[in-house]
Amino acid sequence: MKYKIIEYAKALAEILSDKDFNEKQIIQGFLRVLERQSDIKKAKEIITATKILLAKKNGKKSVFFESARKLSDGQKKMLSKFVEEGDIVEEKINKELIAGVKIIIDNEKQLDQTILTKINNIF
């Protein structure tokens, strides 16, 4: 990898924040650059980092919920305290967590209330 993920993300976020360009063309060109640099395998991580940077630039945050099962409406309502309108919200089901929920905000702050983490902390 010639460039770090965050460097790619900053470059892409800067270009995408200019409204005079066609977003689809920018992304296609960016993917070609990744292919030439043999970094296409990092595209998903770069896009995630770019989303976070763009959200921060617009005064919003990225919130990631990970749980062992699909969240119920009641759980979603309770977790909505962490989310404001316009925030980027992603959910993932990871059965290895056994039970509970993990909340990650802007890839920086983390609240991990999963059974897997509690078991790992015991041993």
PDB file of N, CA and C in Angstrom:
ATOM      1  N   MET A   1       0.848  -1.173   0.000  1.00  0.00           N
ATOM      2  CA  MET A   1       0.000   0.000   0.000  1.00  0.00           C
ATOM      3  C   MET A   1       0.897   1.241   0.000  1.00  0.00           C
ATOM      4  N   LYS A   2       0.745   2.030  -1.036  1.00  0.00           N
ATOM      5  CA  LYS A   2       1.575   3.218  -1.187  1.00  0.00           C
ATOM      6  C   LYS A   2       1.109   4.339  -0.256  1.00  0.00           C
ATOM      7  N   TYR A   3      -0.204   4.489  -0.125  1.00  0.00           N
ATOM      8  CA  TYR A   3      -0.768   5.539   0.726  1.00  0.00           C
ATOM      9  C   TYR A   3      -1.587   4.898   1.839  1.00  0.00           C
ATOM     10  N   LYS A   4      -1.710   5.594   2.955  1.00  0.00           N
ATOM     11  CA  LYS A   4      -2.508   5.097   4.075  1.00  0.00           C
ATOM     12  C   LYS A   4      -3.989   5.319   3.783  1.00  0.00           C
ATOM     13  N   ILE A   5      -4.822   4.519   4.433  1.00  0.00           N
ATOM     14  CA  ILE A   5      -6.271   4.611   4.248  1.00  0.00           C
ATOM     15  C   ILE A   5      -6.763   6.019   4.533  1.00  0.00           C
ATOM     16  N   ILE A   6      -6.292   6.626   5.607  1.00  0.00           N
ATOM     17  CA  ILE A   6      -6.765   7.958   5.981  1.00  0.00           C
ATOM     18  C   ILE A   6      -6.362   8.999   4.936  1.00  0.00           C
ATOM     19  N   GLU A   7      -5.207   8.816   4.295  1.00  0.00           N
ATOM     20  CA  GLU A   7      -4.784   9.749   3.241  1.00  0.00           C
ATOM     21  C   GLU A   7      -5.718   9.662   2.042  1.00  0.00           C
ATOM     22  N   TYR A   8      -6.061   8.439   1.637  1.00  0.00           N
ATOM     23  CA  TYR A   8      -7.021   8.255   0.554  1.00  0.00           C
ATOM     24  C   TYR A   8      -8.372   8.872   0.939  1.00  0.00           C
ATOM     25  N   ALA A   9      -8.806   8.603   2.161  1.00  0.00           N
ATOM     26  CA  ALA A   9     -10.110   9.089   2.618  1.00  0.00           C
ATOM     27  C   ALA A   9     -10.162  10.617   2.629  1.00  0.00           C
ATOM     28  N   LYS A  10      -9.103  11.249   3.105  1.00  0.00           N
ATOM     29  CA  LYS A  10      -9.062  12.720   3.121  1.00  0.00           C
ATOM     30  C   LYS A  10      -9.130  13.278   1.707  1.00  0.00           C
ATOM     31  N   ALA A  11      -8.400  12.662   0.788  1.00  0.00           N
ATOM     32  CA  ALA A  11      -8.405  13.124  -0.604  1.00  0.00           C
ATOM     33  C   ALA A  11      -9.794  12.971  -1.218  1.00  0.00           C
ATOM     34  N   LEU A  12     -10.409  11.814  -1.018  1.00  0.00           N
ATOM     35  CA  LEU A  12     -11.741  11.574  -1.578  1.00  0.00           C
ATOM     36  C   LEU A  12     -12.774  12.502  -0.957  1.00  0.00           C
ATOM     37  N   ALA A  13     -12.711  12.706   0.345  1.00  0.00           N
ATOM     38  CA  ALA A  13     -13.653  13.601   1.028  1.00  0.00           C
ATOM     39  C   ALA A  13     -13.515  15.029   0.514  1.00  0.00           C
ATOM     40  N   GLU A  14     -12.291  15.460   0.299  1.00  0.00           N
ATOM     41  CA  GLU A  14     -12.050  16.821  -0.207  1.00  0.00           C
ATOM     42  C   GLU A  14     -12.665  17.001  -1.596  1.00  0.00           C
ATOM     43  N   ILE A  15     -12.464  16.014  -2.453  1.00  0.00           N
ATOM     44  CA  ILE A  15     -13.009  16.096  -3.815  1.00  0.00           C
ATOM     45  C   ILE A  15     -14.532  16.041  -3.787  1.00  0.00           C
ATOM     46  N   LEU A  16     -15.096  15.137  -2.979  1.00  0.00           N
ATOM     47  CA  LEU A  16     -16.553  14.987  -2.923  1.00  0.00           C
ATOM     48  C   LEU A  16     -17.246  16.198  -2.307  1.00  0.00           C
ATOM     49  N   SER A  17     -16.549  16.954  -1.480  1.00  0.00           N
ATOM     50  CA  SER A  17     -17.173  18.118  -0.849  1.00  0.00           C
ATOM     51  C   SER A  17     -17.325  19.281  -1.828  1.00  0.00           C
ATOM     52  N   ASP A  18     -16.667  19.205  -2.979  1.00  0.00           N
ATOM     53  CA  ASP A  18     -16.829  20.217  -4.026  1.00  0.00           C
ATOM     54  C   ASP A  18     -18.050  19.835  -4.861  1.00  0.00           C
ATOM     55  N   LYS A  19     -19.091  20.630  -4.787  1.00  0.00           N
ATOM     56  CA  LYS A  19     -20.374  20.304  -5.428  1.00  0.00           C
ATOM     57  C   LYS A  19     -20.359  20.474  -6.949  1.00  0.00           C
ATOM     58  N   ASP A  20     -19.280  21.016  -7.513  1.00  0.00           N
ATOM     59  CA  ASP A  20     -19.227  21.254  -8.954  1.00  0.00           C
ATOM     60  C   ASP A  20     -18.912  19.996  -9.758  1.00  0.00           C
ATOM     61  N   PHE A  21     -18.552  18.915  -9.087  1.00  0.00           N
ATOM     62  CA  PHE A  21     -18.166  17.696  -9.781  1.00  0.00           C
ATOM     63  C   PHE A  21     -19.267  16.641  -9.704  1.00  0.00           C
ATOM     64  N   ASN A  22     -19.247  15.728 -10.683  1.00  0.00           N
ATOM     65  CA  ASN A  22     -20.183  14.612 -10.731  1.00  0.00           C
ATOM     66  C   ASN A  22     -19.681  13.514  -9.789  1.00  0.00           C
ATOM     67  N   GLU A  23     -20.471  13.204  -8.769  1.00  0.00           N
ATOM     68  CA  GLU A  23     -20.061  12.236  -7.744  1.00  0.00           C
ATOM     69  C   GLU A  23     -19.741  10.865  -8.336  1.00  0.00           C
ATOM     70  N   LYS A  24     -20.555  10.421  -9.278  1.00  0.00           N
ATOM     71  CA  LYS A  24     -20.350   9.099  -9.877  1.00  0.00           C
ATOM     72  C   LYS A  24     -19.006   9.049 -10.614  1.00  0.00           C
ATOM     73  N   GLN A  25     -18.687  10.097 -11.367  1.00  0.00           N
ATOM     74  CA  GLN A  25     -17.418  10.140 -12.092  1.00  0.00           C
ATOM     75  C   GLN A  25     -16.232  10.188 -11.129  1.00  0.00           C
ATOM     76  N   ILE A  26     -16.387  10.934 -10.045  1.00  0.00           N
ATOM     77  CA  ILE A  26     -15.313  11.028  -9.052  1.00  0.00           C
ATOM     78  C   ILE A  26     -15.014   9.655  -8.466  1.00  0.00           C
ATOM     79  N   ILE A  27     -16.063   8.942  -8.081  1.00  0.00           N
ATOM     80  CA  ILE A  27     -15.880   7.629  -7.458  1.00  0.00           C
ATOM     81  C   ILE A  27     -15.284   6.634  -8.447  1.00  0.00           C
ATOM     82  N   GLN A  28     -15.762   6.659  -9.697  1.00  0.00           N
ATOM     83  CA  GLN A  28     -15.196   5.759 -10.707  1.00  0.00           C
ATOM     84  C   GLN A  28     -13.708   6.048 -10.920  1.00  0.00           C
ATOM     85  N   GLY A  29     -13.356   7.315 -11.007  1.00  0.00           N
ATOM     86  CA  GLY A  29     -11.952   7.697 -11.164  1.00  0.00           C
ATOM     87  C   GLY A  29     -11.124   7.294  -9.960  1.00  0.00           C
ATOM     88  N   PHE A  30     -11.695   7.463  -8.786  1.00  0.00           N
ATOM     89  CA  PHE A  30     -10.992   7.096  -7.556  1.00  0.00           C
ATOM     90  C   PHE A  30     -10.737   5.592  -7.507  1.00  0.00           C
ATOM     91  N   LEU A  31     -11.718   4.803  -7.919  1.00  0.00           N
ATOM     92  CA  LEU A  31     -11.540   3.346  -7.946  1.00  0.00           C
ATOM     93  C   LEU A  31     -10.451   2.944  -8.940  1.00  0.00           C
ATOM     94  N   ARG A  32     -10.359   3.665 -10.062  1.00  0.00           N
ATOM     95  CA  ARG A  32      -9.285   3.387 -11.026  1.00  0.00           C
ATOM     96  C   ARG A  32      -7.913   3.677 -10.405  1.00  0.00           C
ATOM     97  N   VAL A  33      -7.830   4.757  -9.640  1.00  0.00           N
ATOM     98  CA  VAL A  33      -6.575   5.081  -8.952  1.00  0.00           C
ATOM     99  C   VAL A  33      -6.207   3.956  -7.984  1.00  0.00           C
ATOM    100  N   LEU A  34      -7.194   3.474  -7.228  1.00  0.00           N
ATOM    101  CA  LEU A  34      -6.930   2.380  -6.283  1.00  0.00           C
ATOM    102  C   LEU A  34      -6.437   1.133  -7.007  1.00  0.00           C
ATOM    103  N   GLU A  35      -7.035   0.841  -8.165  1.00  0.00           N
ATOM    104  CA  GLU A  35      -6.594  -0.318  -8.940  1.00  0.00           C
ATOM    105  C   GLU A  35      -5.147  -0.150  -9.402  1.00  0.00           C
ATOM    106  N   ARG A  36      -4.820   1.034  -9.910  1.00  0.00           N
ATOM    107  CA  ARG A  36      -3.447   1.286 -10.380  1.00  0.00           C
ATOM    108  C   ARG A  36      -2.432   1.172  -9.250  1.00  0.00           C
ATOM    109  N   GLN A  37      -2.830   1.575  -8.056  1.00  0.00           N
ATOM    110  CA  GLN A  37      -1.930   1.533  -6.903  1.00  0.00           C
ATOM    111  C   GLN A  37      -1.966   0.177  -6.193  1.00  0.00           C
ATOM    112  N   SER A  38      -2.755  -0.751  -6.719  1.00  0.00           N
ATOM    113  CA  SER A  38      -2.947  -2.086  -6.114  1.00  0.00           C
ATOM    114  C   SER A  38      -3.517  -1.988  -4.703  1.00  0.00           C
ATOM    115  N   ASP A  39      -4.394  -1.011  -4.495  1.00  0.00           N
ATOM    116  CA  ASP A  39      -5.016  -0.803  -3.187  1.00  0.00           C
ATOM    117  C   ASP A  39      -6.528  -1.015  -3.216  1.00  0.00           C
ATOM    118  N   ILE A  40      -7.035  -1.619  -4.278  1.00  0.00           N
ATOM    119  CA  ILE A  40      -8.483  -1.781  -4.425  1.00  0.00           C
ATOM    120  C   ILE A  40      -9.070  -2.618  -3.287  1.00  0.00           C
ATOM    121  N   LYS A  41      -8.276  -3.505  -2.703  1.00  0.00           N
ATOM    122  CA  LYS A  41      -8.771  -4.352  -1.608  1.00  0.00           C
ATOM    123  C   LYS A  41      -9.102  -3.529  -0.361  1.00  0.00           C
ATOM    124  N   LYS A  42      -8.603  -2.312  -0.289  1.00  0.00           N
ATOM    125  CA  LYS A  42      -8.866  -1.428   0.848  1.00  0.00           C
ATOM    126  C   LYS A  42     -10.020  -0.462   0.581  1.00  0.00           C
ATOM    127  N   ALA A  43     -10.709  -0.614  -0.551  1.00  0.00           N
ATOM    128  CA  ALA A  43     -11.752   0.334  -0.954  1.00  0.00           C
ATOM    129  C   ALA A  43     -12.846   0.484   0.101  1.00  0.00           C
ATOM    130  N   LYS A  44     -13.301  -0.622   0.672  1.00  0.00           N
ATOM    131  CA  LYS A  44     -14.382  -0.555   1.662  1.00  0.00           C
ATOM    132  C   LYS A  44     -13.956   0.258   2.887  1.00  0.00           C
ATOM    133  N   GLU A  45     -12.743   0.021   3.373  1.00  0.00           N
ATOM    134  CA  GLU A  45     -12.240   0.768   4.533  1.00  0.00           C
ATOM    135  C   GLU A  45     -12.073   2.252   4.203  1.00  0.00           C
ATOM    136  N   ILE A  46     -11.622   2.535   2.990  1.00  0.00           N
ATOM    137  CA  ILE A  46     -11.437   3.924   2.566  1.00  0.00           C
ATOM    138  C   ILE A  46     -12.782   4.636   2.486  1.00  0.00           C
ATOM    139  N   ILE A  47     -13.779   3.969   1.931  1.00  0.00           N
ATOM    140  CA  ILE A  47     -15.111   4.568   1.816  1.00  0.00           C
ATOM    141  C   ILE A  47     -15.707   4.807   3.196  1.00  0.00           C
ATOM    142  N   THR A  48     -15.536   3.868   4.115  1.00  0.00           N
ATOM    143  CA  THR A  48     -16.027   4.053   5.484  1.00  0.00           C
ATOM    144  C   THR A  48     -15.356   5.257   6.134  1.00  0.00           C
ATOM    145  N   ALA A  49     -14.043   5.362   5.994  1.00  0.00           N
ATOM    146  CA  ALA A  49     -13.314   6.501   6.566  1.00  0.00           C
ATOM    147  C   ALA A  49     -13.753   7.811   5.919  1.00  0.00           C
ATOM    148  N   THR A  50     -14.031   7.775   4.615  1.00  0.00           N
ATOM    149  CA  THR A  50     -14.493   8.973   3.906  1.00  0.00           C
ATOM    150  C   THR A  50     -15.851   9.414   4.425  1.00  0.00           C
ATOM    151  N   LYS A  51     -16.762   8.457   4.639  1.00  0.00           N
ATOM    152  CA  LYS A  51     -18.090   8.789   5.184  1.00  0.00           C
ATOM    153  C   LYS A  51     -17.956   9.494   6.531  1.00  0.00           C
ATOM    154  N   ILE A  52     -17.078   8.984   7.365  1.00  0.00           N
ATOM    155  CA  ILE A  52     -16.877   9.573   8.695  1.00  0.00           C
ATOM    156  C   ILE A  52     -16.331  10.989   8.574  1.00  0.00           C
ATOM    157  N   LEU A  53     -15.349  11.182   7.700  1.00  0.00           N
ATOM    158  CA  LEU A  53     -14.771  12.518   7.514  1.00  0.00           C
ATOM    159  C   LEU A  53     -15.807  13.511   6.993  1.00  0.00           C
ATOM    160  N   LEU A  54     -16.624  13.075   6.020  1.00  0.00           N
ATOM    161  CA  LEU A  54     -17.655  13.961   5.472  1.00  0.00           C
ATOM    162  C   LEU A  54     -18.716  14.288   6.513  1.00  0.00           C
ATOM    163  N   ALA A  55     -19.081  13.296   7.318  1.00  0.00           N
ATOM    164  CA  ALA A  55     -20.067  13.536   8.377  1.00  0.00           C
ATOM    165  C   ALA A  55     -19.530  14.556   9.373  1.00  0.00           C
ATOM    166  N   LYS A  56     -18.285  14.382   9.800  1.00  0.00           N
ATOM    167  CA  LYS A  56     -17.666  15.323  10.746  1.00  0.00           C
ATOM    168  C   LYS A  56     -17.611  16.727  10.158  1.00  0.00           C
ATOM    169  N   LYS A  57     -17.262  16.807   8.877  1.00  0.00           N
ATOM    170  CA  LYS A  57     -17.157  18.106   8.206  1.00  0.00           C
ATOM    171  C   LYS A  57     -18.505  18.826   8.203  1.00  0.00           C
ATOM    172  N   ASN A  58     -19.585  18.054   8.158  1.00  0.00           N
ATOM    173  CA  ASN A  58     -20.936  18.619   8.145  1.00  0.00           C
ATOM    174  C   ASN A  58     -21.553  18.677   9.540  1.00  0.00           C
ATOM    175  N   GLY A  59     -20.733  18.469  10.573  1.00  0.00           N
ATOM    176  CA  GLY A  59     -21.221  18.549  11.947  1.00  0.00           C
ATOM    177  C   GLY A  59     -22.032  17.344  12.390  1.00  0.00           C
ATOM    178  N   LYS A  60     -21.911  16.249  11.684  1.00  0.00           N
ATOM    179  CA  LYS A  60     -22.640  15.021  12.011  1.00  0.00           C
ATOM    180  C   LYS A  60     -21.649  13.955  12.466  1.00  0.00           C
ATOM    181  N   LYS A  61     -22.184  12.811  12.853  1.00  0.00           N
ATOM    182  CA  LYS A  61     -21.305  11.730  13.286  1.00  0.00           C
ATOM    183  C   LYS A  61     -21.722  10.416  12.634  1.00  0.00           C
ATOM    184  N   SER A  62     -20.825   9.466  12.702  1.00  0.00           N
ATOM    185  CA  SER A  62     -21.064   8.127  12.198  1.00  0.00           C
ATOM    186  C   SER A  62     -21.293   7.222  13.403  1.00  0.00           C
ATOM    187  N   VAL A  63     -22.427   6.520  13.415  1.00  0.00           N
ATOM    188  CA  VAL A  63     -22.767   5.647  14.536  1.00  0.00           C
ATOM    189  C   VAL A  63     -22.939   4.228  13.999  1.00  0.00           C
ATOM    190  N   PHE A  64     -22.223   3.287  14.614  1.00  0.00           N
ATOM    191  CA  PHE A  64     -22.239   1.893  14.189  1.00  0.00           C
ATOM    192  C   PHE A  64     -22.752   1.041  15.339  1.00  0.00           C
ATOM    193  N   PHE A  65     -23.838   0.307  15.090  1.00  0.00           N
ATOM    194  CA  PHE A  65     -24.409  -0.600  16.083  1.00  0.00           C
ATOM    195  C   PHE A  65     -24.126  -2.028  15.642  1.00  0.00           C
ATOM    196  N   GLU A  66     -23.576  -2.832  16.548  1.00  0.00           N
ATOM    197  CA  GLU A  66     -23.327  -4.239  16.260  1.00  0.00           C
ATOM    198  C   GLU A  66     -23.991  -5.062  17.350  1.00  0.00           C
ATOM    199  N   SER A  67     -24.799  -6.033  16.935  1.00  0.00           N
ATOM    200  CA  SER A  67     -25.512  -6.859  17.910  1.00  0.00           C
ATOM    201  C   SER A  67     -25.544  -8.309  17.436  1.00  0.00           C
ATOM    202  N   ALA A  68     -25.877  -9.206  18.355  1.00  0.00           N
ATOM    203  CA  ALA A  68     -25.925 -10.630  18.030  1.00  0.00           C
ATOM    204  C   ALA A  68     -27.166 -10.980  17.211  1.00  0.00           C
ATOM    205  N   ARG A  69     -28.227 -10.220  17.404  1.00  0.00           N
ATOM    206  CA  ARG A  69     -29.481 -10.440  16.683  1.00  0.00           C
ATOM    207  C   ARG A  69     -30.008  -9.111  16.162  1.00  0.00           C
ATOM    208  N   LYS A  70     -30.988  -9.204  15.288  1.00  0.00           N
ATOM    209  CA  LYS A  70     -31.614  -7.993  14.761  1.00  0.00           C
ATOM    210  C   LYS A  70     -32.211  -7.200  15.926  1.00  0.00           C
ATOM    211  N   LEU A  71     -31.981  -5.893  15.910  1.00  0.00           N
ATOM    212  CA  LEU A  71     -32.490  -5.037  16.984  1.00  0.00           C
ATOM    213  C   LEU A  71     -34.002  -4.887  16.874  1.00  0.00           C
ATOM    214  N   SER A  72     -34.683  -4.979  18.011  1.00  0.00           N
ATOM    215  CA  SER A  72     -36.135  -4.789  18.036  1.00  0.00           C
ATOM    216  C   SER A  72     -36.442  -3.300  17.931  1.00  0.00           C
ATOM    217  N   ASP A  73     -37.701  -2.964  17.689  1.00  0.00           N
ATOM    218  CA  ASP A  73     -38.101  -1.555  17.617  1.00  0.00           C
ATOM    219  C   ASP A  73     -37.830  -0.848  18.940  1.00  0.00           C
ATOM    220  N   GLY A  74     -38.065  -1.538  20.053  1.00  0.00           N
ATOM    221  CA  GLY A  74     -37.809  -0.957  21.372  1.00  0.00           C
ATOM    222  C   GLY A  74     -36.329  -0.672  21.590  1.00  0.00           C
ATOM    223  N   GLN A  75     -35.489  -1.599  21.159  1.00  0.00           N
ATOM    224  CA  GLN A  75     -34.041  -1.404  21.283  1.00  0.00           C
ATOM    225  C   GLN A  75     -33.573  -0.254  20.398  1.00  0.00           C
ATOM    226  N   LYS A  76     -34.122  -0.187  19.185  1.00  0.00           N
ATOM    227  CA  LYS A  76     -33.752   0.902  18.280  1.00  0.00           C
ATOM    228  C   LYS A  76     -34.154   2.250  18.866  1.00  0.00           C
ATOM    229  N   LYS A  77     -35.331   2.283  19.499  1.00  0.00           N
ATOM    230  CA  LYS A  77     -35.793   3.533  20.109  1.00  0.00           C
ATOM    231  C   LYS A  77     -34.845   3.946  21.237  1.00  0.00           C
ATOM    232  N   MET A  78     -34.432   2.975  22.048  1.00  0.00           N
ATOM    233  CA  MET A  78     -33.510   3.258  23.145  1.00  0.00           C
ATOM    234  C   MET A  78     -32.152   3.739  22.607  1.00  0.00           C
ATOM    235  N   LEU A  79     -31.672   3.111  21.546  1.00  0.00           N
ATOM    236  CA  LEU A  79     -30.375   3.469  20.973  1.00  0.00           C
ATOM    237  C   LEU A  79     -30.419   4.774  20.185  1.00  0.00           C
ATOM    238  N   SER A  80     -31.619   5.238  19.857  1.00  0.00           N
ATOM    239  CA  SER A  80     -31.745   6.489  19.097  1.00  0.00           C
ATOM    240  C   SER A  80     -31.217   7.686  19.885  1.00  0.00           C
ATOM    241  N   LYS A  81     -30.993   7.509  21.180  1.00  0.00           N
ATOM    242  CA  LYS A  81     -30.417   8.583  21.999  1.00  0.00           C
ATOM    243  C   LYS A  81     -29.003   8.934  21.540  1.00  0.00           C
ATOM    244  N   PHE A  82     -28.351   7.993  20.881  1.00  0.00           N
ATOM    245  CA  PHE A  82     -26.987   8.211  20.399  1.00  0.00           C
ATOM    246  C   PHE A  82     -26.960   8.865  19.015  1.00  0.00           C
ATOM    247  N   VAL A  83     -28.139   9.002  18.387  1.00  0.00           N
ATOM    248  CA  VAL A  83     -28.211   9.421  16.995  1.00  0.00           C
ATOM    249  C   VAL A  83     -29.003  10.714  16.850  1.00  0.00           C
ATOM    250  N   GLU A  84     -28.500  11.584  15.991  1.00  0.00           N
ATOM    251  CA  GLU A  84     -29.210  12.807  15.644  1.00  0.00           C
ATOM    252  C   GLU A  84     -29.573  12.746  14.167  1.00  0.00           C
ATOM    253  N   GLU A  85     -30.511  13.573  13.753  1.00  0.00           N
ATOM    254  CA  GLU A  85     -30.920  13.605  12.355  1.00  0.00           C
ATOM    255  C   GLU A  85     -29.722  13.967  11.477  1.00  0.00           C
ATOM    256  N   GLY A  86     -29.540  13.216  10.406  1.00  0.00           N
ATOM    257  CA  GLY A  86     -28.432  13.458   9.488  1.00  0.00           C
ATOM    258  C   GLY A  86     -27.194  12.633   9.778  1.00  0.00           C
ATOM    259  N   ASP A  87     -27.142  11.976  10.937  1.00  0.00           N
ATOM    260  CA  ASP A  87     -26.005  11.113  11.262  1.00  0.00           C
ATOM    261  C   ASP A  87     -26.014   9.886  10.353  1.00  0.00           C
ATOM    262  N   ILE A  88     -24.847   9.340  10.113  1.00  0.00           N
ATOM    263  CA  ILE A  88     -24.723   8.107   9.339  1.00  0.00           C
ATOM    264  C   ILE A  88     -24.854   6.946  10.320  1.00  0.00           C
ATOM    265  N   VAL A  89     -25.846   6.097  10.104  1.00  0.00           N
ATOM    266  CA  VAL A  89     -26.102   4.980  11.018  1.00  0.00           C
ATOM    267  C   VAL A  89     -25.946   3.666  10.255  1.00  0.00           C
ATOM    268  N   GLU A  90     -25.155   2.765  10.821  1.00  0.00           N
ATOM    269  CA  GLU A  90     -24.981   1.436  10.246  1.00  0.00           C
ATOM    270  C   GLU A  90     -25.253   0.398  11.327  1.00  0.00           C
ATOM    271  N   GLU A  91     -25.877  -0.697  10.908  1.00  0.00           N
ATOM    272  CA  GLU A  91     -26.146  -1.803  11.829  1.00  0.00           C
ATOM    273  C   GLU A  91     -25.523  -3.071  11.257  1.00  0.00           C
ATOM    274  N   LYS A  92     -25.013  -3.908  12.150  1.00  0.00           N
ATOM    275  CA  LYS A  92     -24.438  -5.180  11.723  1.00  0.00           C
ATOM    276  C   LYS A  92     -24.831  -6.250  12.729  1.00  0.00           C
ATOM    277  N   ILE A  93     -25.170  -7.410  12.216  1.00  0.00           N
ATOM    278  CA  ILE A  93     -25.470  -8.552  13.077  1.00  0.00           C
ATOM    279  C   ILE A  93     -24.236  -9.450  13.101  1.00  0.00           C
ATOM    280  N   ASN A  94     -23.777  -9.754  14.318  1.00  0.00           N
ATOM    281  CA  ASN A  94     -22.600 -10.601  14.518  1.00  0.00           C
ATOM    282  C   ASN A  94     -22.954 -11.614  15.606  1.00  0.00           C
ATOM    283  N   LYS A  95     -23.318 -12.815  15.209  1.00  0.00           N
ATOM    284  CA  LYS A  95     -23.777 -13.837  16.154  1.00  0.00           C
ATOM    285  C   LYS A  95     -22.711 -14.228  17.173  1.00  0.00           C
ATOM    286  N   GLU A  96     -21.447 -13.966  16.872  1.00  0.00           N
ATOM    287  CA  GLU A  96     -20.364 -14.295  17.805  1.00  0.00           C
ATOM    288  C   GLU A  96     -20.435 -13.465  19.085  1.00  0.00           C
ATOM    289  N   LEU A  97     -21.159 -12.356  19.064  1.00  0.00           N
ATOM    290  CA  LEU A  97     -21.274 -11.505  20.251  1.00  0.00           C
ATOM    291  C   LEU A  97     -22.126 -12.147  21.345  1.00  0.00           C
ATOM    292  N   ILE A  98     -22.883 -13.173  21.012  1.00  0.00           N
ATOM    293  CA  ILE A  98     -23.766 -13.938  21.893  1.00  0.00           C
ATOM    294  C   ILE A  98     -25.000 -13.115  22.264  1.00  0.00           C
ATOM    295  N   ALA A  99     -24.826 -11.982  22.908  1.00  0.00           N
ATOM    296  CA  ALA A  99     -25.938 -11.092  23.273  1.00  0.00           C
ATOM    297  C   ALA A  99     -25.358  -9.710  23.555  1.00  0.00           C
ATOM    298  N   GLY A 100     -26.227  -8.730  23.628  1.00  0.00           N
ATOM    299  CA  GLY A 100     -25.790  -7.370  23.926  1.00  0.00           C
ATOM    300  C   GLY A 100     -25.574  -6.556  22.668  1.00  0.00           C
ATOM    301  N   VAL A 101     -25.001  -5.377  22.861  1.00  0.00           N
ATOM    302  CA  VAL A 101     -24.783  -4.466  21.737  1.00  0.00           C
ATOM    303  C   VAL A 101     -23.451  -3.735  21.904  1.00  0.00           C
ATOM    304  N   LYS A 102     -22.844  -3.449  20.781  1.00  0.00           N
ATOM    305  CA  LYS A 102     -21.620  -2.648  20.740  1.00  0.00           C
ATOM    306  C   LYS A 102     -21.952  -1.395  19.932  1.00  0.00           C
ATOM    307  N   ILE A 103     -21.607  -0.228  20.466  1.00  0.00           N
ATOM    308  CA  ILE A 103     -21.866   1.042  19.793  1.00  0.00           C
ATOM    309  C   ILE A 103     -20.527   1.732  19.561  1.00  0.00           C
ATOM    310  N   ILE A 104     -20.277   2.098  18.319  1.00  0.00           N
ATOM    311  CA  ILE A 104     -19.036   2.800  17.976  1.00  0.00           C
ATOM    312  C   ILE A 104     -19.414   4.119  17.312  1.00  0.00           C
ATOM    313  N   ILE A 105     -18.896   5.221  17.850  1.00  0.00           N
ATOM    314  CA  ILE A 105     -19.196   6.547  17.319  1.00  0.00           C
ATOM    315  C   ILE A 105     -17.925   7.118  16.701  1.00  0.00           C
ATOM    316  N   ASP A 106     -18.013   7.473  15.421  1.00  0.00           N
ATOM    317  CA  ASP A 106     -16.900   8.067  14.668  1.00  0.00           C
ATOM    318  C   ASP A 106     -15.623   7.231  14.729  1.00  0.00           C
ATOM    319  N   ASN A 107     -15.769   5.934  14.836  1.00  0.00           N
ATOM    320  CA  ASN A 107     -14.615   5.019  14.925  1.00  0.00           C
ATOM    321  C   ASN A 107     -13.653   5.395  16.038  1.00  0.00           C
ATOM    322  N   GLU A 108     -14.129   6.167  17.025  1.00  0.00           N
ATOM    323  CA  GLU A 108     -13.272   6.619  18.120  1.00  0.00           C
ATOM    324  C   GLU A 108     -13.813   6.179  19.470  1.00  0.00           C
ATOM    325  N   LYS A 109     -15.061   6.504  19.741  1.00  0.00           N
ATOM    326  CA  LYS A 109     -15.667   6.171  21.031  1.00  0.00           C
ATOM    327  C   LYS A 109     -16.396   4.844  20.901  1.00  0.00           C
ATOM    328  N   GLN A 110     -16.259   4.015  21.931  1.00  0.00           N
ATOM    329  CA  GLN A 110     -16.887   2.699  21.866  1.00  0.00           C
ATOM    330  C   GLN A 110     -17.517   2.336  23.201  1.00  0.00           C
ATOM    331  N   LEU A 111     -18.739   1.834  23.119  1.00  0.00           N
ATOM    332  CA  LEU A 111     -19.431   1.278  24.276  1.00  0.00           C
ATOM    333  C   LEU A 111     -19.717  -0.176  23.926  1.00  0.00           C
ATOM    334  N   ASP A 112     -19.095  -1.095  24.642  1.00  0.00           N
ATOM    335  CA  ASP A 112     -19.227  -2.515  24.338  1.00  0.00           C
ATOM    336  C   ASP A 112     -19.907  -3.217  25.505  1.00  0.00           C
ATOM    337  N   GLN A 113     -21.174  -3.530  25.326  1.00  0.00           N
ATOM    338  CA  GLN A 113     -21.953  -4.225  26.345  1.00  0.00           C
ATOM    339  C   GLN A 113     -22.357  -5.616  25.855  1.00  0.00           C
ATOM    340  N   THR A 114     -21.420  -6.305  25.206  1.00  0.00           N
ATOM    341  CA  THR A 114     -21.714  -7.632  24.685  1.00  0.00           C
ATOM    342  C   THR A 114     -21.257  -8.703  25.665  1.00  0.00           C
ATOM    343  N   ILE A 115     -21.940  -9.832  25.617  1.00  0.00           N
ATOM    344  CA  ILE A 115     -21.584 -10.959  26.477  1.00  0.00           C
ATOM    345  C   ILE A 115     -20.194 -11.484  26.110  1.00  0.00           C
ATOM    346  N   LEU A 116     -19.873 -11.500  24.823  1.00  0.00           N
ATOM    347  CA  LEU A 116     -18.559 -11.973  24.391  1.00  0.00           C
ATOM    348  C   LEU A 116     -17.442 -11.185  25.071  1.00  0.00           C
ATOM    349  N   THR A 117     -17.558  -9.882  25.114  1.00  0.00           N
ATOM    350  CA  THR A 117     -16.537  -9.048  25.764  1.00  0.00           C
ATOM    351  C   THR A 117     -16.481  -9.325  27.255  1.00  0.00           C
ATOM    352  N   LYS A 118     -17.637  -9.490  27.881  1.00  0.00           N
ATOM    353  CA  LYS A 118     -17.659  -9.767  29.320  1.00  0.00           C
ATOM    354  C   LYS A 118     -17.002 -11.111  29.628  1.00  0.00           C
ATOM    355  N   ILE A 119     -17.258 -12.110  28.792  1.00  0.00           N
ATOM    356  CA  ILE A 119     -16.628 -13.424  28.979  1.00  0.00           C
ATOM    357  C   ILE A 119     -15.116 -13.317  28.782  1.00  0.00           C
ATOM    358  N   ASN A 120     -14.707 -12.608  27.731  1.00  0.00           N
ATOM    359  CA  ASN A 120     -13.267 -12.441  27.464  1.00  0.00           C
ATOM    360  C   ASN A 120     -12.568 -11.693  28.591  1.00  0.00           C
ATOM    361  N   ASN A 121     -13.253 -10.756  29.225  1.00  0.00           N
ATOM    362  CA  ASN A 121     -12.662 -10.007  30.334  1.00  0.00           C
ATOM    363  C   ASN A 121     -12.502 -10.866  31.589  1.00  0.00           C
ATOM    364  N   ILE A 122     -13.336 -11.874  31.733  1.00  0.00           N
ATOM    365  CA  ILE A 122     -13.244 -12.770  32.886  1.00  0.00           C
ATOM    366  C   ILE A 122     -12.014 -13.661  32.762  1.00  0.00           C
ATOM    367  N   PHE A 123     -11.762 -14.137  31.556  1.00  0.00           N
ATOM    368  CA  PHE A 123     -10.652 -15.070  31.340  1.00  0.00           C
ATOM    369  C   PHE A 123      -9.494 -14.314  30.820  1.00  0.00           C
TER     370      PHE A 123
END
